[in-house]
Amino acid sequence: MITAHDRAQTLAHEYAAHLARPSGPVEDQPWLGQSLAEGAAGIALLHIERATHGHAPWSTAHHWIGQAAAGDITAADTTGLYLGAPALAFVLTTVPDSRDHLYRGAHDTLHAHVAALAHRRVDAALARLHRGASATFAEYDTFYGLTGIGAYLMRSAPDSSAMERVLRYLMTLAQPLTGDCGPTPGWWVDHDPQRRDTLAGGHGNFGAAHGITGPLLLLARAERRGIRVDGQADAIRTICDHLDTWKQDSDTGPWWPEHLTLADLKAGRPHQRHPGRPSWCYGTPGIARAGQLAGIALGDQDLQRSYEDALYRCLTDPVQLGKIIDTSLCHGWAGVYQTVFRAAHDASTPQLDALLPELRESLTIHARGASAKGPGFLEGDAGCALALTTAAANQPPTTGWDACLLIS
């Protein structure tokens, strides 16, 4: 009998075979190799994980690492965890000890640039706060902001001054801003959710990718690991209180809006009327994992259980599950599976673990190699293959690759 584990293993092998060889740099996109989201850096994570399981030779991973580092690597102030020096540095933290000597010099050089970048970015953020202006996603989010840079530092230099400064900065987001439009949450941004245009009054985002859930994930993970600065636990509690204020109740369980507008703040209710798509990036799974980790970090079992129950009820609602339309890590079955897998291993009750077989089945049914989303990590084949590798092994990633999603 072919089990879901077997299917996941077979599919992971098929995806990896499809992604075995780098195709070479793209002339009009010289940055692509350094992209964790779309390029060689993210695909390297798949082959590093597979090599550590003994499913592939190290040479494949080495080729992809080389492809990611083939061009001039940028450490400009526009880079973050998903692009440039921080992305490459993160990839090298996933290399197993037996291969570390091959990349130690490169990692040390990259790390120095990332640490300097972190200090510059904190300086810029604090200057913005001093002016009383609103933030942007790029200042604090997971992909390009200080949350993502902090996720790298937690793996490589948790006791560094750069890590300390990132945590202290993220704590300031828990404090309200007072501007021309009145008080707004500290992570309020002045642009629309697509980052295309300035939005009158701005908006406040709840997602793990670009909203306050990302900083909450990092602060809670740091607190849980004993990486603390004064006031950190209070900041975690304040963010959880904000999430609790905007939690919406329904017959199928609690849910959170993707974002708030100034009109929502004034009305005391969100313009969004129904739960969105369950996802890591914006939906209940990412938010619930953050709340669960906050409860664990604070030693608050009631808080932990409330978020575990929210996650369970979300993923037992056929209507919400029906909104998942792809297999990506960002907003598809792969991200849901990986997030729930991590949550189940920390859960106070077995109900989340009981969901994993059905979620594994859904992932394997919908997985298709060479998807229209391309080969990348965040929305494409490499990310799906990594979740399939977790599903096949039924154990946490050996390399810790999902730390870049802040769910580990």
Protein backbone atom coordinates (compact mmCIF):
# COMPACT_ATOMS: atom_id res chain seq x y z
CA MET A 1 0.00 0.00 0.00
CA ILE A 2 1.34 3.42 -0.98
CA THR A 3 1.06 5.79 1.98
CA ALA A 4 0.90 9.59 2.02
CA HIS A 5 4.47 9.53 3.36
CA ASP A 6 5.53 7.51 0.32
CA ARG A 7 3.76 9.88 -2.06
CA ALA A 8 5.36 12.86 -0.37
CA GLN A 9 8.78 11.23 -0.72
CA THR A 10 8.20 10.43 -4.40
CA LEU A 11 6.96 13.92 -5.16
CA ALA A 12 9.88 15.52 -3.31
CA HIS A 13 12.28 13.45 -5.42
CA GLU A 14 10.48 14.49 -8.61
CA TYR A 15 10.60 18.17 -7.69
CA ALA A 16 14.28 17.92 -6.77
CA ALA A 17 15.11 16.19 -10.06
CA HIS A 18 13.32 18.97 -11.93
CA LEU A 19 15.40 21.52 -9.98
CA ALA A 20 18.69 19.62 -10.08
CA ARG A 21 20.71 21.94 -12.30
CA PRO A 22 21.00 25.73 -12.20
CA SER A 23 20.07 27.27 -15.52
CA GLY A 24 22.59 30.10 -15.21
CA PRO A 25 22.20 33.83 -14.47
CA VAL A 26 19.35 35.77 -16.06
CA GLU A 27 20.95 38.68 -17.92
CA ASP A 28 18.21 41.22 -17.32
CA GLN A 29 17.73 40.13 -13.68
CA PRO A 30 21.23 40.06 -12.18
CA TRP A 31 19.78 40.13 -8.66
CA LEU A 32 17.76 36.94 -9.12
CA GLY A 33 20.40 34.50 -7.91
CA GLN A 34 20.53 36.33 -4.56
CA SER A 35 16.77 36.09 -4.07
CA LEU A 36 15.58 33.72 -1.37
CA ALA A 37 12.03 34.12 -2.67
CA GLU A 38 12.54 33.42 -6.37
CA GLY A 39 16.13 32.58 -7.15
CA ALA A 40 19.02 30.23 -6.58
CA ALA A 41 19.39 31.11 -2.90
CA GLY A 42 15.97 29.70 -2.09
CA ILE A 43 16.40 26.65 -4.31
CA ALA A 44 19.72 25.93 -2.56
CA LEU A 45 17.76 25.45 0.69
CA LEU A 46 15.98 22.47 -0.87
CA HIS A 47 19.15 20.76 -1.98
CA ILE A 48 20.94 21.41 1.32
CA GLU A 49 18.04 19.80 3.21
CA ARG A 50 17.96 16.84 0.84
CA ALA A 51 21.71 16.32 1.09
CA THR A 52 21.55 16.25 4.88
CA HIS A 53 18.93 13.48 4.60
CA GLY A 54 21.20 11.52 2.26
CA HIS A 55 18.76 11.88 -0.65
CA ALA A 56 21.21 13.70 -2.93
CA PRO A 57 24.94 14.34 -3.28
CA TRP A 58 26.36 17.48 -1.73
CA SER A 59 27.55 18.59 -5.16
CA THR A 60 24.00 19.55 -6.17
CA ALA A 61 23.62 21.84 -3.17
CA HIS A 62 27.09 23.24 -3.79
CA HIS A 63 26.21 24.10 -7.39
CA TRP A 64 23.12 26.02 -6.27
CA ILE A 65 25.02 27.86 -3.54
CA GLY A 66 27.58 28.81 -6.16
CA GLN A 67 24.85 30.02 -8.50
CA ALA A 68 23.38 32.18 -5.74
CA ALA A 69 26.78 33.76 -5.07
CA ALA A 70 27.86 34.07 -8.71
CA GLY A 71 27.37 37.82 -9.09
CA ASP A 72 28.22 40.87 -7.04
CA ILE A 73 26.39 40.33 -3.75
CA THR A 74 24.64 43.44 -2.49
CA ALA A 75 24.46 44.60 1.11
CA ALA A 76 22.68 47.86 0.25
CA ASP A 77 20.10 49.27 2.63
CA THR A 78 17.32 47.88 0.41
CA THR A 79 18.38 44.28 1.07
CA GLY A 80 16.94 41.95 3.70
CA LEU A 81 16.46 38.31 4.59
CA TYR A 82 15.00 37.53 1.16
CA LEU A 83 17.54 39.36 -1.01
CA GLY A 84 21.27 39.99 -1.12
CA ALA A 85 23.86 39.44 1.60
CA PRO A 86 21.33 38.52 4.33
CA ALA A 87 19.75 35.91 2.07
CA LEU A 88 23.09 34.30 1.21
CA ALA A 89 24.23 34.46 4.82
CA PHE A 90 21.03 32.72 5.94
CA VAL A 91 21.50 29.97 3.36
CA LEU A 92 25.00 29.31 4.71
CA THR A 93 23.64 28.90 8.26
CA THR A 94 21.77 25.83 7.01
CA VAL A 95 24.94 24.08 5.79
CA PRO A 96 25.67 21.00 7.94
CA ASP A 97 28.74 21.01 10.20
CA SER A 98 30.46 18.46 7.99
CA ARG A 99 30.50 20.96 5.10
CA ASP A 100 30.88 24.18 7.06
CA HIS A 101 34.61 24.46 6.33
CA LEU A 102 33.81 24.99 2.64
CA TYR A 103 31.89 28.19 3.31
CA ARG A 104 33.14 29.53 6.63
CA GLY A 105 35.19 32.34 5.13
CA ALA A 106 32.34 33.44 2.86
CA HIS A 107 29.88 33.36 5.73
CA ASP A 108 32.15 35.41 7.99
CA THR A 109 32.45 38.08 5.30
CA LEU A 110 28.72 38.13 4.63
CA HIS A 111 27.93 38.20 8.34
CA ALA A 112 30.05 41.31 8.88
CA HIS A 113 28.10 43.09 6.15
CA VAL A 114 24.75 41.97 7.56
CA ALA A 115 25.62 43.06 11.09
CA ALA A 116 26.61 46.50 9.78
CA LEU A 117 23.40 46.60 7.75
CA ALA A 118 21.35 45.81 10.85
CA HIS A 119 22.89 48.74 12.74
CA ARG A 120 22.29 51.13 9.82
CA ARG A 121 18.72 49.99 9.45
CA VAL A 122 18.00 50.39 13.16
CA ASP A 123 19.52 53.88 13.08
CA ALA A 124 17.24 54.80 10.17
CA ALA A 125 14.17 53.34 11.89
CA LEU A 126 14.84 55.21 15.12
CA ALA A 127 15.33 58.45 13.16
CA ARG A 128 11.95 57.86 11.52
CA LEU A 129 10.37 57.31 14.93
CA HIS A 130 11.95 60.54 16.19
CA ARG A 131 10.27 62.39 13.32
CA GLY A 132 6.92 60.87 14.27
CA ALA A 133 6.41 59.48 10.78
CA SER A 134 4.77 56.18 9.86
CA ALA A 135 6.84 53.14 8.96
CA THR A 136 6.95 51.20 5.69
CA PHE A 137 6.91 47.44 5.20
CA ALA A 138 10.57 47.60 4.18
CA GLU A 139 11.53 48.94 7.59
CA TYR A 140 10.28 46.09 9.73
CA ASP A 141 8.79 43.21 7.72
CA THR A 142 9.95 39.61 7.34
CA PHE A 143 11.08 39.82 3.72
CA TYR A 144 13.20 42.98 3.60
CA GLY A 145 12.89 44.59 7.02
CA LEU A 146 14.41 44.26 10.47
CA THR A 147 12.26 41.29 11.45
CA GLY A 148 13.84 39.18 8.72
CA ILE A 149 17.32 40.46 9.49
CA GLY A 150 16.66 39.57 13.13
CA ALA A 151 15.66 36.04 12.09
CA TYR A 152 19.11 35.63 10.52
CA LEU A 153 20.89 37.13 13.53
CA MET A 154 19.05 34.79 15.89
CA ARG A 155 20.69 31.87 14.10
CA SER A 156 24.14 33.35 13.69
CA ALA A 157 24.75 35.91 16.45
CA PRO A 158 21.98 35.81 19.08
CA ASP A 159 24.13 37.55 21.71
CA SER A 160 25.35 40.33 19.42
CA SER A 161 24.70 44.05 19.80
CA ALA A 162 22.98 43.92 16.39
CA MET A 163 20.48 41.35 17.66
CA GLU A 164 19.88 43.39 20.81
CA ARG A 165 19.23 46.55 18.83
CA VAL A 166 16.83 44.79 16.46
CA LEU A 167 14.82 43.46 19.41
CA ARG A 168 14.74 46.86 21.10
CA TYR A 169 13.55 48.46 17.87
CA LEU A 170 10.82 45.86 17.31
CA MET A 171 9.55 46.51 20.83
CA THR A 172 8.89 50.13 19.87
CA LEU A 173 6.32 48.90 17.35
CA ALA A 174 4.13 47.87 20.27
CA GLN A 175 3.77 51.54 21.26
CA PRO A 176 1.16 53.73 19.52
CA LEU A 177 2.03 56.59 17.22
CA THR A 178 0.34 59.97 17.48
CA GLY A 179 0.12 61.70 14.13
CA ASP A 180 -2.07 64.03 12.13
CA CYS A 181 -4.74 61.34 11.85
CA GLY A 182 -4.77 60.56 15.55
CA PRO A 183 -3.28 57.60 17.43
CA THR A 184 -2.40 54.55 15.34
CA PRO A 185 -0.55 51.30 16.15
CA GLY A 186 3.23 51.59 16.09
CA TRP A 187 3.57 49.43 12.97
CA TRP A 188 1.15 51.59 10.94
CA VAL A 189 2.41 52.23 7.41
CA ASP A 190 1.63 55.08 5.05
CA HIS A 191 1.11 53.01 1.89
CA ASP A 192 -1.45 50.50 0.63
CA PRO A 193 -1.15 46.72 1.26
CA GLN A 194 0.38 46.19 -2.20
CA ARG A 195 3.11 48.80 -1.52
CA ARG A 196 2.18 50.58 -4.73
CA ASP A 197 0.76 53.90 -3.59
CA THR A 198 0.45 56.16 -0.60
CA LEU A 199 -2.86 55.42 1.10
CA ALA A 200 -4.81 58.23 2.75
CA GLY A 201 -4.47 57.54 6.47
CA GLY A 202 -2.28 54.50 5.83
CA HIS A 203 -3.04 51.00 7.10
CA GLY A 204 -2.10 48.49 9.78
CA ASN A 205 -1.19 45.00 8.60
CA PHE A 206 -1.72 41.78 10.57
CA GLY A 207 0.18 39.31 8.39
CA ALA A 208 3.31 37.31 9.12
CA ALA A 209 4.89 38.48 5.87
CA HIS A 210 4.43 42.24 6.19
CA GLY A 211 2.47 42.93 9.35
CA ILE A 212 2.81 42.85 13.13
CA THR A 213 2.66 39.05 13.26
CA GLY A 214 6.24 38.91 11.91
CA PRO A 215 7.71 40.98 14.78
CA LEU A 216 5.58 39.00 17.25
CA LEU A 217 7.00 35.74 15.89
CA LEU A 218 10.57 36.99 16.26
CA LEU A 219 10.06 38.48 19.73
CA ALA A 220 8.32 35.33 20.98
CA ARG A 221 10.98 33.02 19.52
CA ALA A 222 13.70 35.14 21.10
CA GLU A 223 11.95 35.17 24.49
CA ARG A 224 11.49 31.40 24.35
CA ARG A 225 15.21 30.92 23.68
CA GLY A 226 16.29 33.24 26.48
CA ILE A 227 17.38 36.03 24.10
CA ARG A 228 15.86 38.95 25.97
CA VAL A 229 16.00 42.69 26.41
CA ASP A 230 14.21 44.69 29.08
CA GLY A 231 10.51 45.06 28.36
CA GLN A 232 10.38 42.35 25.72
CA ALA A 233 7.74 40.25 27.49
CA ASP A 234 5.56 43.35 27.94
CA ALA A 235 5.85 44.14 24.23
CA ILE A 236 4.81 40.58 23.35
CA ARG A 237 1.79 40.91 25.63
CA THR A 238 0.85 44.29 24.15
CA ILE A 239 0.88 42.90 20.62
CA CYS A 240 -1.21 39.92 21.72
CA ASP A 241 -3.68 42.32 23.33
CA HIS A 242 -3.96 44.15 20.01
CA LEU A 243 -4.62 40.89 18.19
CA ASP A 244 -7.24 40.03 20.79
CA THR A 245 -8.93 43.41 20.31
CA TRP A 246 -9.35 42.83 16.57
CA LYS A 247 -10.12 39.12 16.71
CA GLN A 248 -13.42 38.36 15.00
CA ASP A 249 -15.64 35.54 16.21
CA SER A 250 -17.70 33.29 13.96
CA ASP A 251 -19.47 29.95 14.08
CA THR A 252 -16.33 28.32 12.67
CA GLY A 253 -13.94 29.94 15.10
CA PRO A 254 -11.99 33.18 15.50
CA TRP A 255 -10.24 34.95 12.66
CA TRP A 256 -8.34 38.17 12.05
CA PRO A 257 -8.61 40.78 9.29
CA GLU A 258 -5.71 41.04 6.87
CA HIS A 259 -5.36 44.75 7.55
CA LEU A 260 -7.04 47.77 9.11
CA THR A 261 -7.69 51.18 7.63
CA LEU A 262 -8.02 54.45 9.51
CA ALA A 263 -11.79 54.17 9.06
CA ASP A 264 -11.69 50.74 10.72
CA LEU A 265 -9.87 52.19 13.72
CA LYS A 266 -12.43 54.94 14.09
CA ALA A 267 -15.37 52.55 13.67
CA GLY A 268 -13.90 49.92 15.98
CA ARG A 269 -14.54 47.14 13.46
CA PRO A 270 -12.75 45.90 10.32
CA HIS A 271 -14.06 46.41 6.83
CA GLN A 272 -13.33 42.74 6.13
CA ARG A 273 -16.43 40.72 6.97
CA HIS A 274 -15.32 37.10 6.56
CA PRO A 275 -12.19 35.02 7.13
CA GLY A 276 -9.66 35.17 4.33
CA ARG A 277 -7.56 32.37 2.90
CA PRO A 278 -5.76 30.22 5.51
CA SER A 279 -2.10 30.90 4.92
CA TRP A 280 1.27 31.54 6.48
CA CYS A 281 1.58 35.04 5.03
CA TYR A 282 -1.71 36.67 5.99
CA GLY A 283 -4.17 34.16 7.38
CA THR A 284 -5.03 32.49 10.65
CA PRO A 285 -2.24 29.84 10.45
CA GLY A 286 0.58 32.40 10.60
CA ILE A 287 -1.16 34.51 13.25
CA ALA A 288 -2.08 31.46 15.33
CA ARG A 289 1.50 30.15 15.29
CA ALA A 290 2.70 33.55 16.52
CA GLY A 291 0.11 33.59 19.30
CA GLN A 292 0.94 30.03 20.29
CA LEU A 293 4.66 30.86 20.51
CA ALA A 294 3.83 33.99 22.51
CA GLY A 295 1.86 31.89 24.98
CA ILE A 296 4.72 29.41 25.30
CA ALA A 297 7.30 32.18 25.72
CA LEU A 298 5.22 33.94 28.38
CA GLY A 299 4.27 30.73 30.18
CA ASP A 300 0.60 31.57 29.56
CA GLN A 301 -1.15 28.28 28.86
CA ASP A 302 -4.54 29.91 28.31
CA LEU A 303 -3.10 32.16 25.61
CA GLN A 304 -1.30 29.23 23.99
CA ARG A 305 -4.41 27.06 23.93
CA SER A 306 -6.63 29.81 22.57
CA TYR A 307 -4.41 30.18 19.50
CA GLU A 308 -4.07 26.44 19.05
CA ASP A 309 -7.85 26.19 19.10
CA ALA A 310 -8.12 29.02 16.54
CA LEU A 311 -5.74 27.16 14.24
CA TYR A 312 -7.60 23.87 14.65
CA ARG A 313 -11.01 25.41 13.98
CA CYS A 314 -9.74 27.29 10.94
CA LEU A 315 -8.39 24.11 9.38
CA THR A 316 -11.52 22.08 10.06
CA ASP A 317 -13.72 24.60 8.25
CA PRO A 318 -14.37 23.41 4.66
CA VAL A 319 -15.19 26.93 3.51
CA GLN A 320 -11.83 28.32 4.61
CA LEU A 321 -9.93 25.30 3.30
CA GLY A 322 -11.65 25.76 -0.05
CA LYS A 323 -9.91 29.11 -0.44
CA ILE A 324 -6.46 27.52 -0.69
CA ILE A 325 -5.75 27.40 -4.42
CA ASP A 326 -2.05 26.52 -4.76
CA THR A 327 0.77 24.61 -3.09
CA SER A 328 3.10 27.49 -2.22
CA LEU A 329 4.77 28.19 1.09
CA CYS A 330 3.56 31.75 1.12
CA HIS A 331 -0.17 31.21 0.78
CA GLY A 332 -0.77 27.59 -0.20
CA TRP A 333 -0.84 24.03 1.09
CA ALA A 334 2.92 23.84 1.65
CA GLY A 335 2.93 26.82 4.01
CA VAL A 336 -0.14 25.57 5.85
CA TYR A 337 1.37 22.13 6.29
CA GLN A 338 4.76 23.41 7.47
CA THR A 339 3.17 25.87 9.90
CA VAL A 340 0.82 23.31 11.39
CA PHE A 341 3.62 20.74 11.59
CA ARG A 342 5.64 23.13 13.73
CA ALA A 343 2.62 24.13 15.80
CA ALA A 344 1.61 20.50 16.39
CA HIS A 345 5.03 19.66 17.81
CA ASP A 346 4.64 22.41 20.42
CA ALA A 347 0.92 21.98 21.08
CA SER A 348 -0.59 21.39 24.50
CA THR A 349 -3.16 18.95 23.11
CA PRO A 350 -3.05 16.34 20.31
CA GLN A 351 -5.73 17.97 18.14
CA LEU A 352 -3.29 19.71 15.78
CA ASP A 353 -1.24 16.56 15.35
CA ALA A 354 -4.46 14.80 14.36
CA LEU A 355 -4.84 17.26 11.45
CA LEU A 356 -1.48 16.45 9.88
CA PRO A 357 -2.47 13.29 7.95
CA GLU A 358 -5.31 15.10 6.17
CA LEU A 359 -3.14 18.14 5.46
CA ARG A 360 -0.39 15.87 4.16
CA GLU A 361 -2.93 14.22 1.88
CA SER A 362 -4.10 17.60 0.58
CA LEU A 363 -0.52 18.70 -0.07
CA THR A 364 0.35 15.56 -2.01
CA ILE A 365 -2.89 15.63 -4.01
CA HIS A 366 -2.39 19.21 -5.16
CA ALA A 367 1.39 19.16 -5.65
CA ARG A 368 2.47 19.40 -9.28
CA GLY A 369 6.06 19.75 -10.45
CA ALA A 370 7.07 22.58 -12.79
CA SER A 371 4.18 24.72 -11.56
CA ALA A 372 3.13 27.95 -13.20
CA LYS A 373 4.61 29.84 -10.23
CA GLY A 374 8.13 28.82 -11.25
CA PRO A 375 10.97 27.11 -9.41
CA GLY A 376 11.34 29.49 -6.47
CA PHE A 377 11.15 29.01 -2.73
CA LEU A 378 8.37 31.32 -1.61
CA GLU A 379 5.69 30.70 -4.22
CA GLY A 380 7.14 27.98 -6.42
CA ASP A 381 8.38 24.42 -6.61
CA ALA A 382 11.34 24.56 -4.22
CA GLY A 383 9.17 25.62 -1.30
CA CYS A 384 6.57 22.96 -2.03
CA ALA A 385 9.32 20.33 -2.26
CA LEU A 386 10.69 21.38 1.13
CA ALA A 387 7.28 20.97 2.77
CA LEU A 388 6.96 17.58 1.04
CA THR A 389 10.34 16.63 2.50
CA THR A 390 9.02 17.46 5.97
CA ALA A 391 5.87 15.45 5.26
CA ALA A 392 7.86 12.46 4.04
CA ALA A 393 10.29 12.45 6.98
CA ASN A 394 7.64 13.34 9.57
CA GLN A 395 10.29 15.23 11.51
CA PRO A 396 11.42 18.86 11.73
CA PRO A 397 13.80 20.07 9.03
CA THR A 398 17.37 19.02 9.72
CA THR A 399 18.72 22.33 8.45
CA GLY A 400 16.17 24.61 10.08
CA TRP A 401 15.34 26.18 6.71
CA ASP A 402 11.88 27.28 7.89
CA ALA A 403 13.46 29.77 10.31
CA CYS A 404 13.13 32.23 7.43
CA LEU A 405 9.35 31.88 7.87
CA LEU A 406 9.82 32.49 11.64
CA ILE A 407 7.68 29.44 12.51
CA SER A 408 10.39 27.17 13.93
